[in-house]
């Protein structure tokens, strides 16, 4: 049966017996993963149990024994840290994310938007890769933004600050642009991309199948539509 499942990895919905997969997912990728779930269930009967948050916080949970089957990070650093602790399989890239500016008002590009903003939200600069990338970009931004910076726990939280009016602008994942069409979205003058790595943490066949699924043409098409750059 084991060999039959291997042969039918992308053709059978019976191989994995419906056992659930526990997924630790970076906040930025959760909406995209949820959009991919129906496509997954066209081939597999395995349900997902999602836990989402900043990649650094999820990493600490995994290092302390949280029983996840797959980790989908927003960067390469945190999966590497887990693998160096002799946990899981080698990480691999699954998408490339992009940093973008979202504002509550219209402006003639990023520079004008940042000059007009009084408050700027970004994700946690220690545990959230998009927050780390935002802080690094702001250090070299010219002219220097005058806005007061506020930090959210995750990149999803930073977006929520802008949506609710607790911040004028937010530096977030480009994949969020479809979630908040009421905001104005500005591409950074020089693109800031994040290589996002995933890793198999358990030996469940479905865990390996999930990472392979993310690299299929149909899954990649959904991922690109959500604002990511596909990994070749």
C-alpha atoms as a PDB file:
ATOM      1  CA  UNK A   1       0.000   0.000   0.000  1.00  0.00           C
ATOM      2  CA  UNK A   2       2.874   2.356   0.778  1.00  0.00           C
ATOM      3  CA  UNK A   3       4.257   1.964  -2.749  1.00  0.00           C
ATOM      4  CA  UNK A   4       0.825   2.358  -4.287  1.00  0.00           C
ATOM      5  CA  UNK A   5       0.383   5.655  -2.450  1.00  0.00           C
ATOM      6  CA  UNK A   6       3.717   6.878  -3.752  1.00  0.00           C
ATOM      7  CA  UNK A   7       2.680   6.078  -7.306  1.00  0.00           C
ATOM      8  CA  UNK A   8      -0.672   7.773  -6.897  1.00  0.00           C
ATOM      9  CA  UNK A   9       0.563  10.760  -4.940  1.00  0.00           C
ATOM     10  CA  UNK A  10      -1.190  13.283  -7.150  1.00  0.00           C
ATOM     11  CA  UNK A  11      -4.062  11.097  -8.316  1.00  0.00           C
ATOM     12  CA  UNK A  12      -5.642   9.551  -5.232  1.00  0.00           C
ATOM     13  CA  UNK A  13      -7.726  10.966  -2.417  1.00  0.00           C
ATOM     14  CA  UNK A  14      -7.408   7.748  -0.424  1.00  0.00           C
ATOM     15  CA  UNK A  15      -3.704   7.360   0.292  1.00  0.00           C
ATOM     16  CA  UNK A  16      -3.513   9.486   3.427  1.00  0.00           C
ATOM     17  CA  UNK A  17      -6.665   8.202   5.081  1.00  0.00           C
ATOM     18  CA  UNK A  18      -8.010  11.633   5.963  1.00  0.00           C
ATOM     19  CA  UNK A  19      -5.505  12.231   8.778  1.00  0.00           C
ATOM     20  CA  UNK A  20      -5.270  15.983   9.346  1.00  0.00           C
ATOM     21  CA  UNK A  21      -2.176  18.101   8.747  1.00  0.00           C
ATOM     22  CA  UNK A  22      -1.186  20.670  11.356  1.00  0.00           C
ATOM     23  CA  UNK A  23       0.282  23.652   9.530  1.00  0.00           C
ATOM     24  CA  UNK A  24       2.229  26.551  11.027  1.00  0.00           C
ATOM     25  CA  UNK A  25       1.730  29.360   8.519  1.00  0.00           C
ATOM     26  CA  UNK A  26       3.197  32.855   8.368  1.00  0.00           C
ATOM     27  CA  UNK A  27       0.460  35.500   8.622  1.00  0.00           C
ATOM     28  CA  UNK A  28       1.061  36.826   5.135  1.00  0.00           C
ATOM     29  CA  UNK A  29       0.522  33.448   3.462  1.00  0.00           C
ATOM     30  CA  UNK A  30      -2.568  32.329   5.387  1.00  0.00           C
ATOM     31  CA  UNK A  31      -5.163  33.928   3.030  1.00  0.00           C
ATOM     32  CA  UNK A  32      -3.417  32.432   0.002  1.00  0.00           C
ATOM     33  CA  UNK A  33      -3.222  29.013   1.616  1.00  0.00           C
ATOM     34  CA  UNK A  34      -6.940  29.183   2.393  1.00  0.00           C
ATOM     35  CA  UNK A  35      -7.589  30.004  -1.269  1.00  0.00           C
ATOM     36  CA  UNK A  36      -5.556  26.928  -2.228  1.00  0.00           C
ATOM     37  CA  UNK A  37      -7.454  24.567   0.058  1.00  0.00           C
ATOM     38  CA  UNK A  38     -10.256  23.674  -2.417  1.00  0.00           C
ATOM     39  CA  UNK A  39      -7.628  22.838  -5.040  1.00  0.00           C
ATOM     40  CA  UNK A  40      -5.854  20.604  -2.511  1.00  0.00           C
ATOM     41  CA  UNK A  41      -9.087  18.763  -1.765  1.00  0.00           C
ATOM     42  CA  UNK A  42      -9.591  17.992  -5.433  1.00  0.00           C
ATOM     43  CA  UNK A  43      -6.724  15.530  -4.977  1.00  0.00           C
ATOM     44  CA  UNK A  44      -6.432  14.744  -1.276  1.00  0.00           C
ATOM     45  CA  UNK A  45      -8.810  13.931   1.549  1.00  0.00           C
ATOM     46  CA  UNK A  46      -6.438  15.297   4.202  1.00  0.00           C
ATOM     47  CA  UNK A  47      -7.860  18.314   6.089  1.00  0.00           C
ATOM     48  CA  UNK A  48      -5.696  21.178   7.310  1.00  0.00           C
ATOM     49  CA  UNK A  49      -5.500  22.642  10.789  1.00  0.00           C
ATOM     50  CA  UNK A  50      -3.954  26.108  10.454  1.00  0.00           C
ATOM     51  CA  UNK A  51      -2.031  28.029  13.086  1.00  0.00           C
ATOM     52  CA  UNK A  52      -0.952  31.466  11.896  1.00  0.00           C
ATOM     53  CA  UNK A  53       1.301  34.164  13.294  1.00  0.00           C
ATOM     54  CA  UNK A  54       4.703  35.825  12.974  1.00  0.00           C
ATOM     55  CA  UNK A  55       7.307  33.377  11.711  1.00  0.00           C
ATOM     56  CA  UNK A  56       9.554  34.022  14.698  1.00  0.00           C
ATOM     57  CA  UNK A  57       6.793  33.212  17.171  1.00  0.00           C
ATOM     58  CA  UNK A  58       5.893  30.031  15.284  1.00  0.00           C
ATOM     59  CA  UNK A  59       9.566  29.077  15.272  1.00  0.00           C
ATOM     60  CA  UNK A  60       9.719  29.307  19.055  1.00  0.00           C
ATOM     61  CA  UNK A  61       6.660  27.078  19.322  1.00  0.00           C
ATOM     62  CA  UNK A  62       8.270  24.491  17.053  1.00  0.00           C
ATOM     63  CA  UNK A  63      11.583  24.610  18.918  1.00  0.00           C
ATOM     64  CA  UNK A  64       9.652  23.975  22.136  1.00  0.00           C
ATOM     65  CA  UNK A  65       7.936  20.901  20.744  1.00  0.00           C
ATOM     66  CA  UNK A  66       4.720  22.115  19.102  1.00  0.00           C
ATOM     67  CA  UNK A  67       3.480  19.168  16.985  1.00  0.00           C
ATOM     68  CA  UNK A  68       3.243  20.804  13.566  1.00  0.00           C
ATOM     69  CA  UNK A  69       3.621  18.783  10.374  1.00  0.00           C
ATOM     70  CA  UNK A  70       4.640  21.639   8.054  1.00  0.00           C
ATOM     71  CA  UNK A  71       6.057  25.132   8.620  1.00  0.00           C
ATOM     72  CA  UNK A  72       5.518  27.803   5.952  1.00  0.00           C
ATOM     73  CA  UNK A  73       7.652  30.771   6.943  1.00  0.00           C
ATOM     74  CA  UNK A  74       7.859  34.316   5.605  1.00  0.00           C
ATOM     75  CA  UNK A  75      11.644  34.083   5.314  1.00  0.00           C
ATOM     76  CA  UNK A  76      14.545  31.645   5.122  1.00  0.00           C
ATOM     77  CA  UNK A  77      16.170  32.451   8.461  1.00  0.00           C
ATOM     78  CA  UNK A  78      13.622  30.932  10.814  1.00  0.00           C
ATOM     79  CA  UNK A  79      13.305  27.566   8.994  1.00  0.00           C
ATOM     80  CA  UNK A  80      17.102  27.356   8.905  1.00  0.00           C
ATOM     81  CA  UNK A  81      17.165  27.929  12.659  1.00  0.00           C
ATOM     82  CA  UNK A  82      14.753  25.026  13.162  1.00  0.00           C
ATOM     83  CA  UNK A  83      16.712  22.713  10.876  1.00  0.00           C
ATOM     84  CA  UNK A  84      19.961  23.602  12.651  1.00  0.00           C
ATOM     85  CA  UNK A  85      18.273  22.381  15.836  1.00  0.00           C
ATOM     86  CA  UNK A  86      17.943  18.943  14.157  1.00  0.00           C
ATOM     87  CA  UNK A  87      14.200  19.302  13.667  1.00  0.00           C
ATOM     88  CA  UNK A  88      12.460  18.444  10.407  1.00  0.00           C
ATOM     89  CA  UNK A  89      13.591  18.098   6.822  1.00  0.00           C
ATOM     90  CA  UNK A  90      15.723  20.609   4.875  1.00  0.00           C
ATOM     91  CA  UNK A  91      13.820  23.826   4.080  1.00  0.00           C
ATOM     92  CA  UNK A  92      12.956  24.723   0.496  1.00  0.00           C
ATOM     93  CA  UNK A  93      11.650  27.926  -1.084  1.00  0.00           C
ATOM     94  CA  UNK A  94       7.943  27.900  -1.891  1.00  0.00           C
ATOM     95  CA  UNK A  95       7.234  31.559  -2.806  1.00  0.00           C
ATOM     96  CA  UNK A  96       8.847  34.976  -3.007  1.00  0.00           C
ATOM     97  CA  UNK A  97       6.882  37.698  -1.272  1.00  0.00           C
ATOM     98  CA  UNK A  98       6.987  41.444  -1.846  1.00  0.00           C
ATOM     99  CA  UNK A  99       6.811  44.416   0.511  1.00  0.00           C
ATOM    100  CA  UNK A 100       4.317  47.136  -0.403  1.00  0.00           C
ATOM    101  CA  UNK A 101       2.903  50.343   1.086  1.00  0.00           C
ATOM    102  CA  UNK A 102      -0.819  50.589   1.845  1.00  0.00           C
ATOM    103  CA  UNK A 103      -2.390  53.944   2.771  1.00  0.00           C
ATOM    104  CA  UNK A 104      -5.786  55.347   3.628  1.00  0.00           C
ATOM    105  CA  UNK A 105      -5.347  58.267   1.207  1.00  0.00           C
ATOM    106  CA  UNK A 106      -4.321  58.849  -2.389  1.00  0.00           C
ATOM    107  CA  UNK A 107      -0.849  60.144  -3.211  1.00  0.00           C
ATOM    108  CA  UNK A 108       1.521  60.459  -6.136  1.00  0.00           C
ATOM    109  CA  UNK A 109       3.648  57.489  -5.185  1.00  0.00           C
ATOM    110  CA  UNK A 110       5.461  56.192  -2.131  1.00  0.00           C
ATOM    111  CA  UNK A 111       7.503  59.302  -1.307  1.00  0.00           C
ATOM    112  CA  UNK A 112       4.504  61.621  -1.192  1.00  0.00           C
ATOM    113  CA  UNK A 113       2.486  59.073   0.774  1.00  0.00           C
ATOM    114  CA  UNK A 114       5.175  58.738   3.430  1.00  0.00           C
ATOM    115  CA  UNK A 115       5.521  62.520   3.714  1.00  0.00           C
ATOM    116  CA  UNK A 116       1.761  62.907   4.205  1.00  0.00           C
ATOM    117  CA  UNK A 117       1.405  60.074   6.715  1.00  0.00           C
ATOM    118  CA  UNK A 118       1.351  60.867  10.438  1.00  0.00           C
ATOM    119  CA  UNK A 119       1.472  57.233  11.547  1.00  0.00           C
ATOM    120  CA  UNK A 120       3.058  54.250   9.820  1.00  0.00           C
ATOM    121  CA  UNK A 121       2.368  50.663  10.867  1.00  0.00           C
ATOM    122  CA  UNK A 122       4.753  47.775  10.392  1.00  0.00           C
ATOM    123  CA  UNK A 123       4.965  44.262  11.736  1.00  0.00           C
ATOM    124  CA  UNK A 124       7.113  43.309  14.710  1.00  0.00           C
ATOM    125  CA  UNK A 125      10.740  43.971  13.802  1.00  0.00           C
ATOM    126  CA  UNK A 126      12.062  40.973  15.746  1.00  0.00           C
ATOM    127  CA  UNK A 127       9.649  38.138  15.030  1.00  0.00           C
ATOM    128  CA  UNK A 128       7.944  39.084  11.738  1.00  0.00           C
ATOM    129  CA  UNK A 129      10.064  38.946   8.554  1.00  0.00           C
ATOM    130  CA  UNK A 130       7.933  41.595   6.855  1.00  0.00           C
ATOM    131  CA  UNK A 131       8.501  43.861   9.838  1.00  0.00           C
ATOM    132  CA  UNK A 132      12.234  43.220   9.669  1.00  0.00           C
ATOM    133  CA  UNK A 133      12.244  43.984   5.926  1.00  0.00           C
ATOM    134  CA  UNK A 134      10.164  47.135   6.470  1.00  0.00           C
ATOM    135  CA  UNK A 135      12.533  48.457   9.135  1.00  0.00           C
ATOM    136  CA  UNK A 136      15.551  47.816   6.919  1.00  0.00           C
ATOM    137  CA  UNK A 137      13.911  49.596   3.999  1.00  0.00           C
ATOM    138  CA  UNK A 138      12.948  52.593   6.137  1.00  0.00           C
ATOM    139  CA  UNK A 139      16.558  53.003   7.284  1.00  0.00           C
ATOM    140  CA  UNK A 140      17.620  53.763   3.724  1.00  0.00           C
ATOM    141  CA  UNK A 141      14.452  55.488   2.488  1.00  0.00           C
ATOM    142  CA  UNK A 142      14.938  58.982   1.087  1.00  0.00           C
ATOM    143  CA  UNK A 143      13.497  61.325   2.026  1.00  0.00           C
ATOM    144  CA  UNK A 144      13.259  59.871   5.508  1.00  0.00           C
ATOM    145  CA  UNK A 145       9.616  59.325   6.555  1.00  0.00           C
ATOM    146  CA  UNK A 146       8.392  61.678   9.265  1.00  0.00           C
ATOM    147  CA  UNK A 147       5.549  59.430  10.368  1.00  0.00           C
ATOM    148  CA  UNK A 148       5.428  57.984  13.867  1.00  0.00           C
ATOM    149  CA  UNK A 149       5.987  54.238  13.623  1.00  0.00           C
ATOM    150  CA  UNK A 150       3.675  51.775  15.361  1.00  0.00           C
ATOM    151  CA  UNK A 151       4.364  48.057  15.496  1.00  0.00           C
ATOM    152  CA  UNK A 152       1.781  45.301  15.257  1.00  0.00           C
ATOM    153  CA  UNK A 153       2.384  41.734  16.336  1.00  0.00           C
ATOM    154  CA  UNK A 154       2.261  40.451  12.767  1.00  0.00           C
ATOM    155  CA  UNK A 155       2.062  41.747   9.207  1.00  0.00           C
ATOM    156  CA  UNK A 156      -1.670  40.972   9.251  1.00  0.00           C
ATOM    157  CA  UNK A 157      -1.950  43.169  12.330  1.00  0.00           C
ATOM    158  CA  UNK A 158      -0.111  45.992  10.558  1.00  0.00           C
ATOM    159  CA  UNK A 159      -2.646  45.845   7.744  1.00  0.00           C
ATOM    160  CA  UNK A 160      -5.469  45.963  10.279  1.00  0.00           C
ATOM    161  CA  UNK A 161      -4.025  49.163  11.744  1.00  0.00           C
ATOM    162  CA  UNK A 162      -4.402  50.861   8.363  1.00  0.00           C
ATOM    163  CA  UNK A 163      -7.844  49.402   7.673  1.00  0.00           C
ATOM    164  CA  UNK A 164      -9.226  50.562  11.024  1.00  0.00           C
ATOM    165  CA  UNK A 165      -7.605  54.001  10.911  1.00  0.00           C
ATOM    166  CA  UNK A 166      -5.142  53.376  13.723  1.00  0.00           C
ATOM    167  CA  UNK A 167      -2.402  54.161  11.195  1.00  0.00           C
ATOM    168  CA  UNK A 168      -2.370  56.255   8.040  1.00  0.00           C
ATOM    169  CA  UNK A 169      -0.165  53.814   6.158  1.00  0.00           C
ATOM    170  CA  UNK A 170       1.312  50.357   6.628  1.00  0.00           C
ATOM    171  CA  UNK A 171       4.225  48.462   5.118  1.00  0.00           C
ATOM    172  CA  UNK A 172       2.819  45.006   4.490  1.00  0.00           C
ATOM    173  CA  UNK A 173       2.806  42.027   2.142  1.00  0.00           C
ATOM    174  CA  UNK A 174       1.715  42.704  -1.433  1.00  0.00           C
ATOM    175  CA  UNK A 175      -0.502  39.634  -1.187  1.00  0.00           C
ATOM    176  CA  UNK A 176      -2.816  41.589   1.135  1.00  0.00           C
ATOM    177  CA  UNK A 177      -3.860  44.062  -1.569  1.00  0.00           C
ATOM    178  CA  UNK A 178      -6.881  41.934  -2.467  1.00  0.00           C
ATOM    179  CA  UNK A 179      -8.025  41.882   1.160  1.00  0.00           C
ATOM    180  CA  UNK A 180      -8.330  45.653   1.506  1.00  0.00           C
ATOM    181  CA  UNK A 181      -9.331  47.232  -1.825  1.00  0.00           C
ATOM    182  CA  UNK A 182     -10.463  50.347   0.039  1.00  0.00           C
ATOM    183  CA  UNK A 183      -6.813  51.235   0.691  1.00  0.00           C
ATOM    184  CA  UNK A 184      -4.413  52.815  -1.798  1.00  0.00           C
ATOM    185  CA  UNK A 185      -1.481  50.556  -2.685  1.00  0.00           C
ATOM    186  CA  UNK A 186       1.968  51.796  -3.693  1.00  0.00           C
ATOM    187  CA  UNK A 187       4.807  49.708  -5.085  1.00  0.00           C
ATOM    188  CA  UNK A 188       8.186  50.563  -3.579  1.00  0.00           C
ATOM    189  CA  UNK A 189      10.631  52.324  -5.946  1.00  0.00           C
ATOM    190  CA  UNK A 190      13.111  49.476  -5.572  1.00  0.00           C
ATOM    191  CA  UNK A 191      11.352  46.141  -5.024  1.00  0.00           C
ATOM    192  CA  UNK A 192      11.878  44.463  -1.658  1.00  0.00           C
ATOM    193  CA  UNK A 193      11.363  40.722  -1.972  1.00  0.00           C
ATOM    194  CA  UNK A 194      11.345  38.037   0.700  1.00  0.00           C
ATOM    195  CA  UNK A 195      12.346  34.465  -0.051  1.00  0.00           C
ATOM    196  CA  UNK A 196       9.852  32.361   1.880  1.00  0.00           C
ATOM    197  CA  UNK A 197      10.936  28.862   2.855  1.00  0.00           C
ATOM    198  CA  UNK A 198       8.819  25.948   3.986  1.00  0.00           C
ATOM    199  CA  UNK A 199       9.792  22.711   5.646  1.00  0.00           C
ATOM    200  CA  UNK A 200       8.377  19.322   6.482  1.00  0.00           C
ATOM    201  CA  UNK A 201       8.433  18.762  10.236  1.00  0.00           C
ATOM    202  CA  UNK A 202       6.859  15.308  10.483  1.00  0.00           C
ATOM    203  CA  UNK A 203       7.206  12.134   8.453  1.00  0.00           C
ATOM    204  CA  UNK A 204       3.581  12.097   7.344  1.00  0.00           C
ATOM    205  CA  UNK A 205       3.363  11.457   3.583  1.00  0.00           C
ATOM    206  CA  UNK A 206       0.754  14.211   3.343  1.00  0.00           C
ATOM    207  CA  UNK A 207       3.281  16.712   4.718  1.00  0.00           C
ATOM    208  CA  UNK A 208       5.660  15.978   1.858  1.00  0.00           C
ATOM    209  CA  UNK A 209       2.748  16.072  -0.576  1.00  0.00           C
ATOM    210  CA  UNK A 210       1.750  19.556   0.575  1.00  0.00           C
ATOM    211  CA  UNK A 211       5.140  21.063  -0.245  1.00  0.00           C
ATOM    212  CA  UNK A 212       5.076  19.341  -3.628  1.00  0.00           C
ATOM    213  CA  UNK A 213       1.522  20.575  -4.183  1.00  0.00           C
ATOM    214  CA  UNK A 214       2.617  24.201  -3.691  1.00  0.00           C
ATOM    215  CA  UNK A 215       5.022  23.785  -6.620  1.00  0.00           C
ATOM    216  CA  UNK A 216       2.397  22.464  -9.067  1.00  0.00           C
ATOM    217  CA  UNK A 217       1.341  24.698 -11.979  1.00  0.00           C
ATOM    218  CA  UNK A 218      -2.244  25.058 -10.718  1.00  0.00           C
ATOM    219  CA  UNK A 219      -1.125  26.038  -7.225  1.00  0.00           C
ATOM    220  CA  UNK A 220       1.479  28.439  -8.597  1.00  0.00           C
ATOM    221  CA  UNK A 221      -1.175  30.174 -10.683  1.00  0.00           C
ATOM    222  CA  UNK A 222      -3.237  30.848  -7.548  1.00  0.00           C
ATOM    223  CA  UNK A 223      -0.138  31.986  -5.651  1.00  0.00           C
ATOM    224  CA  UNK A 224       0.849  34.466  -8.377  1.00  0.00           C
ATOM    225  CA  UNK A 225      -2.703  35.853  -8.527  1.00  0.00           C
ATOM    226  CA  UNK A 226      -2.358  36.631  -4.827  1.00  0.00           C
ATOM    227  CA  UNK A 227       0.649  38.867  -5.390  1.00  0.00           C
ATOM    228  CA  UNK A 228       3.569  36.491  -4.957  1.00  0.00           C
ATOM    229  CA  UNK A 229       6.454  35.732  -7.274  1.00  0.00           C
ATOM    230  CA  UNK A 230       6.668  32.070  -8.190  1.00  0.00           C
ATOM    231  CA  UNK A 231       9.806  30.119  -7.369  1.00  0.00           C
ATOM    232  CA  UNK A 232      11.250  28.435 -10.437  1.00  0.00           C
END
